[in-house]
Amino acid sequence: SLKPEATIVYFCNVDLRRHLEFGPTFDVWGQGTQVTSP
């Protein structure tokens, strides 16, 4: 049910850490993919 909108870029973000329950965390972004619904 996409609404009529100008081009929007969708990004995927990944939240990571070295161990499951402890230690520092960081995140990585993808380059993005464009969606247009005129």
PDB file of all heavy atoms in Angstrom:
ATOM      1  N   SER A   1       0.826  -1.216   0.000  1.00  0.00           N
ATOM      2  CA  SER A   1       0.000   0.000   0.000  1.00  0.00           C
ATOM      3  C   SER A   1       0.855   1.258   0.000  1.00  0.00           C
ATOM      4  O   SER A   1       0.642   2.176   0.791  1.00  0.00           O
ATOM      5  CB  SER A   1      -0.946  -0.011   1.207  1.00  0.00           C
ATOM      6  OG  SER A   1      -1.780  -1.149   1.196  1.00  0.00           O
ATOM      7  N   LEU A   2       1.806   1.304  -0.899  1.00  0.00           N
ATOM      8  CA  LEU A   2       2.722   2.428  -0.959  1.00  0.00           C
ATOM      9  C   LEU A   2       2.000   3.708  -1.362  1.00  0.00           C
ATOM     10  O   LEU A   2       1.159   3.710  -2.255  1.00  0.00           O
ATOM     11  CB  LEU A   2       3.853   2.138  -1.935  1.00  0.00           C
ATOM     12  CG  LEU A   2       4.886   1.131  -1.434  1.00  0.00           C
ATOM     13  CD1 LEU A   2       5.795   0.682  -2.562  1.00  0.00           C
ATOM     14  CD2 LEU A   2       5.708   1.747  -0.309  1.00  0.00           C
ATOM     15  N   LYS A   3       2.354   4.779  -0.694  1.00  0.00           N
ATOM     16  CA  LYS A   3       1.758   6.074  -0.955  1.00  0.00           C
ATOM     17  C   LYS A   3       2.527   6.805  -2.040  1.00  0.00           C
ATOM     18  O   LYS A   3       3.728   6.584  -2.221  1.00  0.00           O
ATOM     19  CB  LYS A   3       1.732   6.898   0.328  1.00  0.00           C
ATOM     20  CG  LYS A   3       0.919   6.278   1.451  1.00  0.00           C
ATOM     21  CD  LYS A   3       0.969   7.132   2.705  1.00  0.00           C
ATOM     22  CE  LYS A   3       0.147   6.512   3.818  1.00  0.00           C
ATOM     23  NZ  LYS A   3       0.200   7.331   5.057  1.00  0.00           N
ATOM     24  N   PRO A   4       1.855   7.703  -2.772  1.00  0.00           N
ATOM     25  CA  PRO A   4       2.561   8.478  -3.797  1.00  0.00           C
ATOM     26  C   PRO A   4       3.515   9.484  -3.147  1.00  0.00           C
ATOM     27  O   PRO A   4       3.075  10.380  -2.424  1.00  0.00           O
ATOM     28  CB  PRO A   4       1.435   9.175  -4.550  1.00  0.00           C
ATOM     29  CG  PRO A   4       0.304   9.240  -3.576  1.00  0.00           C
ATOM     30  CD  PRO A   4       0.416   8.000  -2.735  1.00  0.00           C
ATOM     31  N   GLU A   5       4.793   9.312  -3.394  1.00  0.00           N
ATOM     32  CA  GLU A   5       5.815  10.163  -2.808  1.00  0.00           C
ATOM     33  C   GLU A   5       6.969  10.323  -3.792  1.00  0.00           C
ATOM     34  O   GLU A   5       7.140   9.519  -4.704  1.00  0.00           O
ATOM     35  CB  GLU A   5       6.332   9.578  -1.490  1.00  0.00           C
ATOM     36  CG  GLU A   5       5.294   9.512  -0.380  1.00  0.00           C
ATOM     37  CD  GLU A   5       5.826   8.843   0.868  1.00  0.00           C
ATOM     38  OE1 GLU A   5       6.341   7.714   0.756  1.00  0.00           O
ATOM     39  OE2 GLU A   5       5.727   9.457   1.952  1.00  0.00           O
ATOM     40  N   ALA A   6       7.747  11.348  -3.575  1.00  0.00           N
ATOM     41  CA  ALA A   6       8.971  11.516  -4.337  1.00  0.00           C
ATOM     42  C   ALA A   6       9.962  10.430  -3.951  1.00  0.00           C
ATOM     43  O   ALA A   6       9.748   9.673  -3.011  1.00  0.00           O
ATOM     44  CB  ALA A   6       9.555  12.903  -4.096  1.00  0.00           C
ATOM     45  N   THR A   7      11.043  10.363  -4.685  1.00  0.00           N
ATOM     46  CA  THR A   7      12.041   9.340  -4.447  1.00  0.00           C
ATOM     47  C   THR A   7      12.597   9.421  -3.028  1.00  0.00           C
ATOM     48  O   THR A   7      12.993  10.488  -2.563  1.00  0.00           O
ATOM     49  CB  THR A   7      13.189   9.469  -5.455  1.00  0.00           C
ATOM     50  OG1 THR A   7      12.693   9.241  -6.773  1.00  0.00           O
ATOM     51  CG2 THR A   7      14.279   8.451  -5.153  1.00  0.00           C
ATOM     52  N   ILE A   8      12.589   8.289  -2.359  1.00  0.00           N
ATOM     53  CA  ILE A   8      13.106   8.173  -1.004  1.00  0.00           C
ATOM     54  C   ILE A   8      14.187   7.092  -1.001  1.00  0.00           C
ATOM     55  O   ILE A   8      14.016   6.039  -1.613  1.00  0.00           O
ATOM     56  CB  ILE A   8      11.997   7.815  -0.001  1.00  0.00           C
ATOM     57  CG1 ILE A   8      10.955   8.933   0.053  1.00  0.00           C
ATOM     58  CG2 ILE A   8      12.573   7.558   1.380  1.00  0.00           C
ATOM     59  CD1 ILE A   8       9.767   8.614   0.923  1.00  0.00           C
ATOM     60  N   VAL A   9      15.275   7.356  -0.310  1.00  0.00           N
ATOM     61  CA  VAL A   9      16.353   6.385  -0.201  1.00  0.00           C
ATOM     62  C   VAL A   9      16.184   5.597   1.088  1.00  0.00           C
ATOM     63  O   VAL A   9      16.054   6.175   2.166  1.00  0.00           O
ATOM     64  CB  VAL A   9      17.732   7.059  -0.225  1.00  0.00           C
ATOM     65  CG1 VAL A   9      18.838   6.008  -0.126  1.00  0.00           C
ATOM     66  CG2 VAL A   9      17.896   7.874  -1.499  1.00  0.00           C
ATOM     67  N   TYR A  10      16.170   4.285   0.961  1.00  0.00           N
ATOM     68  CA  TYR A  10      16.078   3.402   2.110  1.00  0.00           C
ATOM     69  C   TYR A  10      17.451   2.817   2.421  1.00  0.00           C
ATOM     70  O   TYR A  10      18.137   2.323   1.535  1.00  0.00           O
ATOM     71  CB  TYR A  10      15.083   2.271   1.846  1.00  0.00           C
ATOM     72  CG  TYR A  10      13.640   2.693   1.955  1.00  0.00           C
ATOM     73  CD1 TYR A  10      13.043   3.428   0.937  1.00  0.00           C
ATOM     74  CD2 TYR A  10      12.879   2.366   3.071  1.00  0.00           C
ATOM     75  CE1 TYR A  10      11.723   3.832   1.036  1.00  0.00           C
ATOM     76  CE2 TYR A  10      11.560   2.760   3.175  1.00  0.00           C
ATOM     77  CZ  TYR A  10      10.988   3.495   2.156  1.00  0.00           C
ATOM     78  OH  TYR A  10       9.680   3.888   2.252  1.00  0.00           O
ATOM     79  N   PHE A  11      17.827   2.888   3.689  1.00  0.00           N
ATOM     80  CA  PHE A  11      19.115   2.401   4.143  1.00  0.00           C
ATOM     81  C   PHE A  11      18.940   1.258   5.126  1.00  0.00           C
ATOM     82  O   PHE A  11      18.032   1.272   5.953  1.00  0.00           O
ATOM     83  CB  PHE A  11      19.911   3.510   4.838  1.00  0.00           C
ATOM     84  CG  PHE A  11      20.263   4.673   3.960  1.00  0.00           C
ATOM     85  CD1 PHE A  11      19.418   5.760   3.843  1.00  0.00           C
ATOM     86  CD2 PHE A  11      21.458   4.685   3.254  1.00  0.00           C
ATOM     87  CE1 PHE A  11      19.744   6.843   3.046  1.00  0.00           C
ATOM     88  CE2 PHE A  11      21.800   5.757   2.458  1.00  0.00           C
ATOM     89  CZ  PHE A  11      20.942   6.834   2.351  1.00  0.00           C
ATOM     90  N   CYS A  12      19.847   0.301   5.057  1.00  0.00           N
ATOM     91  CA  CYS A  12      19.903  -0.778   6.023  1.00  0.00           C
ATOM     92  C   CYS A  12      21.011  -0.489   7.026  1.00  0.00           C
ATOM     93  O   CYS A  12      22.131  -0.138   6.639  1.00  0.00           O
ATOM     94  CB  CYS A  12      20.159  -2.112   5.333  1.00  0.00           C
ATOM     95  SG  CYS A  12      20.230  -3.528   6.456  1.00  0.00           S
ATOM     96  N   ASN A  13      20.691  -0.625   8.301  1.00  0.00           N
ATOM     97  CA  ASN A  13      21.657  -0.433   9.372  1.00  0.00           C
ATOM     98  C   ASN A  13      21.830  -1.735  10.135  1.00  0.00           C
ATOM     99  O   ASN A  13      20.857  -2.402  10.461  1.00  0.00           O
ATOM    100  CB  ASN A  13      21.194   0.677  10.318  1.00  0.00           C
ATOM    101  CG  ASN A  13      22.157   0.891  11.474  1.00  0.00           C
ATOM    102  OD1 ASN A  13      21.991   0.328  12.551  1.00  0.00           O
ATOM    103  ND2 ASN A  13      23.169   1.712  11.235  1.00  0.00           N
ATOM    104  N   VAL A  14      23.077  -2.076  10.437  1.00  0.00           N
ATOM    105  CA  VAL A  14      23.389  -3.304  11.150  1.00  0.00           C
ATOM    106  C   VAL A  14      24.092  -2.952  12.449  1.00  0.00           C
ATOM    107  O   VAL A  14      25.122  -2.275  12.439  1.00  0.00           O
ATOM    108  CB  VAL A  14      24.265  -4.243  10.304  1.00  0.00           C
ATOM    109  CG1 VAL A  14      24.491  -5.557  11.034  1.00  0.00           C
ATOM    110  CG2 VAL A  14      23.616  -4.505   8.953  1.00  0.00           C
ATOM    111  N   ASP A  15      23.529  -3.416  13.550  1.00  0.00           N
ATOM    112  CA  ASP A  15      24.047  -3.162  14.888  1.00  0.00           C
ATOM    113  C   ASP A  15      24.828  -4.390  15.340  1.00  0.00           C
ATOM    114  O   ASP A  15      24.275  -5.489  15.378  1.00  0.00           O
ATOM    115  CB  ASP A  15      22.891  -2.861  15.839  1.00  0.00           C
ATOM    116  CG  ASP A  15      23.346  -2.501  17.238  1.00  0.00           C
ATOM    117  OD1 ASP A  15      24.540  -2.260  17.448  1.00  0.00           O
ATOM    118  OD2 ASP A  15      22.471  -2.451  18.127  1.00  0.00           O
ATOM    119  N   LEU A  16      26.105  -4.211  15.674  1.00  0.00           N
ATOM    120  CA  LEU A  16      26.975  -5.336  15.965  1.00  0.00           C
ATOM    121  C   LEU A  16      27.760  -5.149  17.257  1.00  0.00           C
ATOM    122  O   LEU A  16      27.917  -4.045  17.759  1.00  0.00           O
ATOM    123  CB  LEU A  16      27.974  -5.570  14.828  1.00  0.00           C
ATOM    124  CG  LEU A  16      27.445  -5.623  13.396  1.00  0.00           C
ATOM    125  CD1 LEU A  16      27.809  -4.349  12.660  1.00  0.00           C
ATOM    126  CD2 LEU A  16      27.997  -6.831  12.672  1.00  0.00           C
ATOM    127  N   ARG A  17      28.270  -6.263  17.763  1.00  0.00           N
ATOM    128  CA  ARG A  17      29.230  -6.286  18.842  1.00  0.00           C
ATOM    129  C   ARG A  17      30.049  -7.563  18.747  1.00  0.00           C
ATOM    130  O   ARG A  17      29.657  -8.513  18.069  1.00  0.00           O
ATOM    131  CB  ARG A  17      28.545  -6.160  20.209  1.00  0.00           C
ATOM    132  CG  ARG A  17      27.849  -7.415  20.676  1.00  0.00           C
ATOM    133  CD  ARG A  17      26.867  -7.162  21.817  1.00  0.00           C
ATOM    134  NE  ARG A  17      27.381  -6.312  22.859  1.00  0.00           N
ATOM    135  CZ  ARG A  17      26.646  -5.862  23.885  1.00  0.00           C
ATOM    136  NH1 ARG A  17      25.369  -6.211  23.977  1.00  0.00           N
ATOM    137  NH2 ARG A  17      27.180  -5.079  24.794  1.00  0.00           N
ATOM    138  N   ARG A  18      31.172  -7.595  19.451  1.00  0.00           N
ATOM    139  CA  ARG A  18      32.041  -8.763  19.380  1.00  0.00           C
ATOM    140  C   ARG A  18      31.493  -9.960  20.141  1.00  0.00           C
ATOM    141  O   ARG A  18      31.774 -11.105  19.779  1.00  0.00           O
ATOM    142  CB  ARG A  18      33.434  -8.410  19.905  1.00  0.00           C
ATOM    143  CG  ARG A  18      34.273  -7.604  18.930  1.00  0.00           C
ATOM    144  CD  ARG A  18      35.728  -7.593  19.336  1.00  0.00           C
ATOM    145  NE  ARG A  18      36.547  -6.950  18.322  1.00  0.00           N
ATOM    146  CZ  ARG A  18      37.050  -7.571  17.277  1.00  0.00           C
ATOM    147  NH1 ARG A  18      36.820  -8.870  17.093  1.00  0.00           N
ATOM    148  NH2 ARG A  18      37.784  -6.912  16.396  1.00  0.00           N
ATOM    149  N   HIS A  19      30.719  -9.706  21.194  1.00  0.00           N
ATOM    150  CA  HIS A  19      30.109 -10.768  21.973  1.00  0.00           C
ATOM    151  C   HIS A  19      28.622 -10.501  22.102  1.00  0.00           C
ATOM    152  O   HIS A  19      28.174  -9.360  22.022  1.00  0.00           O
ATOM    153  CB  HIS A  19      30.764 -10.882  23.352  1.00  0.00           C
ATOM    154  CG  HIS A  19      32.226 -11.154  23.292  1.00  0.00           C
ATOM    155  ND1 HIS A  19      33.168 -10.145  23.272  1.00  0.00           N
ATOM    156  CD2 HIS A  19      32.917 -12.319  23.235  1.00  0.00           C
ATOM    157  CE1 HIS A  19      34.376 -10.667  23.209  1.00  0.00           C
ATOM    158  NE2 HIS A  19      34.253 -11.986  23.185  1.00  0.00           N
ATOM    159  N   LEU A  20      27.868 -11.552  22.362  1.00  0.00           N
ATOM    160  CA  LEU A  20      26.416 -11.453  22.350  1.00  0.00           C
ATOM    161  C   LEU A  20      25.871 -10.484  23.388  1.00  0.00           C
ATOM    162  O   LEU A  20      24.973  -9.678  23.095  1.00  0.00           O
ATOM    163  CB  LEU A  20      25.795 -12.835  22.549  1.00  0.00           C
ATOM    164  CG  LEU A  20      24.268 -12.898  22.544  1.00  0.00           C
ATOM    165  CD1 LEU A  20      23.720 -12.438  21.205  1.00  0.00           C
ATOM    166  CD2 LEU A  20      23.794 -14.308  22.863  1.00  0.00           C
ATOM    167  N   GLU A  21      26.404 -10.535  24.617  1.00  0.00           N
ATOM    168  CA  GLU A  21      25.792  -9.805  25.722  1.00  0.00           C
ATOM    169  C   GLU A  21      26.685  -8.780  26.397  1.00  0.00           C
ATOM    170  O   GLU A  21      26.272  -8.162  27.370  1.00  0.00           O
ATOM    171  CB  GLU A  21      25.290 -10.802  26.779  1.00  0.00           C
ATOM    172  CG  GLU A  21      24.247 -11.776  26.235  1.00  0.00           C
ATOM    173  CD  GLU A  21      23.791 -12.775  27.274  1.00  0.00           C
ATOM    174  OE1 GLU A  21      24.399 -12.826  28.365  1.00  0.00           O
ATOM    175  OE2 GLU A  21      22.824 -13.509  27.006  1.00  0.00           O
ATOM    176  N   PHE A  22      27.888  -8.578  25.906  1.00  0.00           N
ATOM    177  CA  PHE A  22      28.764  -7.612  26.539  1.00  0.00           C
ATOM    178  C   PHE A  22      29.773  -7.067  25.538  1.00  0.00           C
ATOM    179  O   PHE A  22      29.937  -7.601  24.440  1.00  0.00           O
ATOM    180  CB  PHE A  22      29.497  -8.228  27.744  1.00  0.00           C
ATOM    181  CG  PHE A  22      30.350  -9.429  27.400  1.00  0.00           C
ATOM    182  CD1 PHE A  22      31.683  -9.277  27.046  1.00  0.00           C
ATOM    183  CD2 PHE A  22      29.823 -10.702  27.429  1.00  0.00           C
ATOM    184  CE1 PHE A  22      32.475 -10.371  26.733  1.00  0.00           C
ATOM    185  CE2 PHE A  22      30.600 -11.809  27.113  1.00  0.00           C
ATOM    186  CZ  PHE A  22      31.930 -11.639  26.765  1.00  0.00           C
ATOM    187  N   GLY A  23      30.432  -6.020  25.923  1.00  0.00           N
ATOM    188  CA  GLY A  23      31.426  -5.383  25.093  1.00  0.00           C
ATOM    189  C   GLY A  23      30.856  -4.228  24.301  1.00  0.00           C
ATOM    190  O   GLY A  23      29.650  -3.971  24.316  1.00  0.00           O
ATOM    191  N   PRO A  24      31.719  -3.520  23.599  1.00  0.00           N
ATOM    192  CA  PRO A  24      31.270  -2.352  22.841  1.00  0.00           C
ATOM    193  C   PRO A  24      30.431  -2.739  21.628  1.00  0.00           C
ATOM    194  O   PRO A  24      30.544  -3.845  21.103  1.00  0.00           O
ATOM    195  CB  PRO A  24      32.589  -1.698  22.414  1.00  0.00           C
ATOM    196  CG  PRO A  24      33.564  -2.824  22.360  1.00  0.00           C
ATOM    197  CD  PRO A  24      33.169  -3.739  23.494  1.00  0.00           C
ATOM    198  N   THR A  25      29.592  -1.823  21.206  1.00  0.00           N
ATOM    199  CA  THR A  25      28.758  -2.020  20.031  1.00  0.00           C
ATOM    200  C   THR A  25      29.090  -0.971  18.977  1.00  0.00           C
ATOM    201  O   THR A  25      29.624   0.102  19.283  1.00  0.00           O
ATOM    202  CB  THR A  25      27.266  -1.931  20.379  1.00  0.00           C
ATOM    203  OG1 THR A  25      26.962  -0.612  20.858  1.00  0.00           O
ATOM    204  CG2 THR A  25      26.910  -2.938  21.469  1.00  0.00           C
ATOM    205  N   PHE A  26      28.775  -1.279  17.743  1.00  0.00           N
ATOM    206  CA  PHE A  26      28.934  -0.331  16.659  1.00  0.00           C
ATOM    207  C   PHE A  26      27.947  -0.693  15.566  1.00  0.00           C
ATOM    208  O   PHE A  26      27.343  -1.763  15.592  1.00  0.00           O
ATOM    209  CB  PHE A  26      30.373  -0.311  16.127  1.00  0.00           C
ATOM    210  CG  PHE A  26      30.795  -1.594  15.452  1.00  0.00           C
ATOM    211  CD1 PHE A  26      30.771  -1.692  14.071  1.00  0.00           C
ATOM    212  CD2 PHE A  26      31.220  -2.678  16.185  1.00  0.00           C
ATOM    213  CE1 PHE A  26      31.177  -2.859  13.432  1.00  0.00           C
ATOM    214  CE2 PHE A  26      31.624  -3.854  15.566  1.00  0.00           C
ATOM    215  CZ  PHE A  26      31.601  -3.939  14.188  1.00  0.00           C
ATOM    216  N   ASP A  27      27.786   0.206  14.618  1.00  0.00           N
ATOM    217  CA  ASP A  27      26.840  -0.046  13.552  1.00  0.00           C
ATOM    218  C   ASP A  27      27.437   0.301  12.190  1.00  0.00           C
ATOM    219  O   ASP A  27      28.350   1.119  12.076  1.00  0.00           O
ATOM    220  CB  ASP A  27      25.532   0.732  13.773  1.00  0.00           C
ATOM    221  CG  ASP A  27      25.739   2.229  13.747  1.00  0.00           C
ATOM    222  OD1 ASP A  27      26.306   2.773  14.710  1.00  0.00           O
ATOM    223  OD2 ASP A  27      25.328   2.870  12.747  1.00  0.00           O
ATOM    224  N   VAL A  28      26.915  -0.343  11.168  1.00  0.00           N
ATOM    225  CA  VAL A  28      27.372  -0.161   9.800  1.00  0.00           C
ATOM    226  C   VAL A  28      26.171   0.112   8.906  1.00  0.00           C
ATOM    227  O   VAL A  28      25.138  -0.554   9.022  1.00  0.00           O
ATOM    228  CB  VAL A  28      28.141  -1.397   9.294  1.00  0.00           C
ATOM    229  CG1 VAL A  28      28.541  -1.225   7.829  1.00  0.00           C
ATOM    230  CG2 VAL A  28      29.379  -1.643  10.142  1.00  0.00           C
ATOM    231  N   TRP A  29      26.307   1.081   8.030  1.00  0.00           N
ATOM    232  CA  TRP A  29      25.249   1.447   7.094  1.00  0.00           C
ATOM    233  C   TRP A  29      25.528   0.902   5.698  1.00  0.00           C
ATOM    234  O   TRP A  29      26.672   0.857   5.248  1.00  0.00           O
ATOM    235  CB  TRP A  29      25.122   2.965   6.985  1.00  0.00           C
ATOM    236  CG  TRP A  29      24.618   3.646   8.213  1.00  0.00           C
ATOM    237  CD1 TRP A  29      25.359   4.183   9.217  1.00  0.00           C
ATOM    238  CD2 TRP A  29      23.247   3.870   8.563  1.00  0.00           C
ATOM    239  NE1 TRP A  29      24.547   4.730  10.173  1.00  0.00           N
ATOM    240  CE2 TRP A  29      23.245   4.555   9.789  1.00  0.00           C
ATOM    241  CE3 TRP A  29      22.039   3.559   7.942  1.00  0.00           C
ATOM    242  CZ2 TRP A  29      22.059   4.933  10.417  1.00  0.00           C
ATOM    243  CZ3 TRP A  29      20.864   3.931   8.567  1.00  0.00           C
ATOM    244  CH2 TRP A  29      20.878   4.609   9.796  1.00  0.00           C
ATOM    245  N   GLY A  30      24.472   0.508   5.006  1.00  0.00           N
ATOM    246  CA  GLY A  30      24.584   0.197   3.600  1.00  0.00           C
ATOM    247  C   GLY A  30      24.570   1.470   2.772  1.00  0.00           C
ATOM    248  O   GLY A  30      24.417   2.580   3.286  1.00  0.00           O
ATOM    249  N   GLN A  31      24.713   1.313   1.469  1.00  0.00           N
ATOM    250  CA  GLN A  31      24.764   2.458   0.573  1.00  0.00           C
ATOM    251  C   GLN A  31      23.391   3.035   0.252  1.00  0.00           C
ATOM    252  O   GLN A  31      23.289   4.176  -0.186  1.00  0.00           O
ATOM    253  CB  GLN A  31      25.469   2.077  -0.730  1.00  0.00           C
ATOM    254  CG  GLN A  31      26.947   1.768  -0.560  1.00  0.00           C
ATOM    255  CD  GLN A  31      27.743   2.969  -0.103  1.00  0.00           C
ATOM    256  OE1 GLN A  31      27.531   4.083  -0.597  1.00  0.00           O
ATOM    257  NE2 GLN A  31      28.656   2.766   0.827  1.00  0.00           N
ATOM    258  N   GLY A  32      22.341   2.272   0.463  1.00  0.00           N
ATOM    259  CA  GLY A  32      20.995   2.741   0.221  1.00  0.00           C
ATOM    260  C   GLY A  32      20.431   2.260  -1.107  1.00  0.00           C
ATOM    261  O   GLY A  32      21.170   1.956  -2.041  1.00  0.00           O
ATOM    262  N   THR A  33      19.109   2.200  -1.182  1.00  0.00           N
ATOM    263  CA  THR A  33      18.404   1.856  -2.407  1.00  0.00           C
ATOM    264  C   THR A  33      17.201   2.778  -2.545  1.00  0.00           C
ATOM    265  O   THR A  33      16.511   3.070  -1.569  1.00  0.00           O
ATOM    266  CB  THR A  33      17.987   0.371  -2.416  1.00  0.00           C
ATOM    267  OG1 THR A  33      17.393   0.034  -3.670  1.00  0.00           O
ATOM    268  CG2 THR A  33      17.015   0.059  -1.285  1.00  0.00           C
ATOM    269  N   GLN A  34      16.944   3.245  -3.763  1.00  0.00           N
ATOM    270  CA  GLN A  34      15.921   4.256  -3.993  1.00  0.00           C
ATOM    271  C   GLN A  34      14.563   3.632  -4.291  1.00  0.00           C
ATOM    272  O   GLN A  34      14.461   2.643  -5.015  1.00  0.00           O
ATOM    273  CB  GLN A  34      16.322   5.169  -5.150  1.00  0.00           C
ATOM    274  CG  GLN A  34      17.568   5.987  -4.885  1.00  0.00           C
ATOM    275  CD  GLN A  34      17.855   6.971  -6.003  1.00  0.00           C
ATOM    276  OE1 GLN A  34      16.981   7.294  -6.814  1.00  0.00           O
ATOM    277  NE2 GLN A  34      19.075   7.464  -6.048  1.00  0.00           N
ATOM    278  N   VAL A  35      13.531   4.261  -3.748  1.00  0.00           N
ATOM    279  CA  VAL A  35      12.150   3.865  -4.000  1.00  0.00           C
ATOM    280  C   VAL A  35      11.369   5.092  -4.452  1.00  0.00           C
ATOM    281  O   VAL A  35      11.393   6.134  -3.800  1.00  0.00           O
ATOM    282  CB  VAL A  35      11.492   3.260  -2.749  1.00  0.00           C
ATOM    283  CG1 VAL A  35      10.012   2.975  -3.003  1.00  0.00           C
ATOM    284  CG2 VAL A  35      12.218   1.989  -2.337  1.00  0.00           C
ATOM    285  N   THR A  36      10.674   4.959  -5.584  1.00  0.00           N
ATOM    286  CA  THR A  36       9.872   6.046  -6.119  1.00  0.00           C
ATOM    287  C   THR A  36       8.457   5.558  -6.375  1.00  0.00           C
ATOM    288  O   THR A  36       8.258   4.529  -7.019  1.00  0.00           O
ATOM    289  CB  THR A  36      10.464   6.586  -7.432  1.00  0.00           C
ATOM    290  OG1 THR A  36      11.801   7.040  -7.211  1.00  0.00           O
ATOM    291  CG2 THR A  36       9.622   7.746  -7.959  1.00  0.00           C
ATOM    292  N   SER A  37       7.487   6.298  -5.865  1.00  0.00           N
ATOM    293  CA  SER A  37       6.084   5.989  -6.090  1.00  0.00           C
ATOM    294  C   SER A  37       5.388   7.267  -6.554  1.00  0.00           C
ATOM    295  O   SER A  37       4.879   8.033  -5.734  1.00  0.00           O
ATOM    296  CB  SER A  37       5.435   5.441  -4.825  1.00  0.00           C
ATOM    297  OG  SER A  37       4.102   5.017  -5.071  1.00  0.00           O
ATOM    298  N   PRO A  38       5.352   7.511  -7.858  1.00  0.00           N
ATOM    299  CA  PRO A  38       4.839   8.783  -8.367  1.00  0.00           C
ATOM    300  C   PRO A  38       3.310   8.854  -8.333  1.00  0.00           C
ATOM    301  O   PRO A  38       2.620   7.833  -8.367  1.00  0.00           O
ATOM    302  CB  PRO A  38       5.339   8.814  -9.813  1.00  0.00           C
ATOM    303  CG  PRO A  38       5.396   7.361 -10.195  1.00  0.00           C
ATOM    304  CD  PRO A  38       5.807   6.637  -8.944  1.00  0.00           C
TER     305      PRO A  38
END
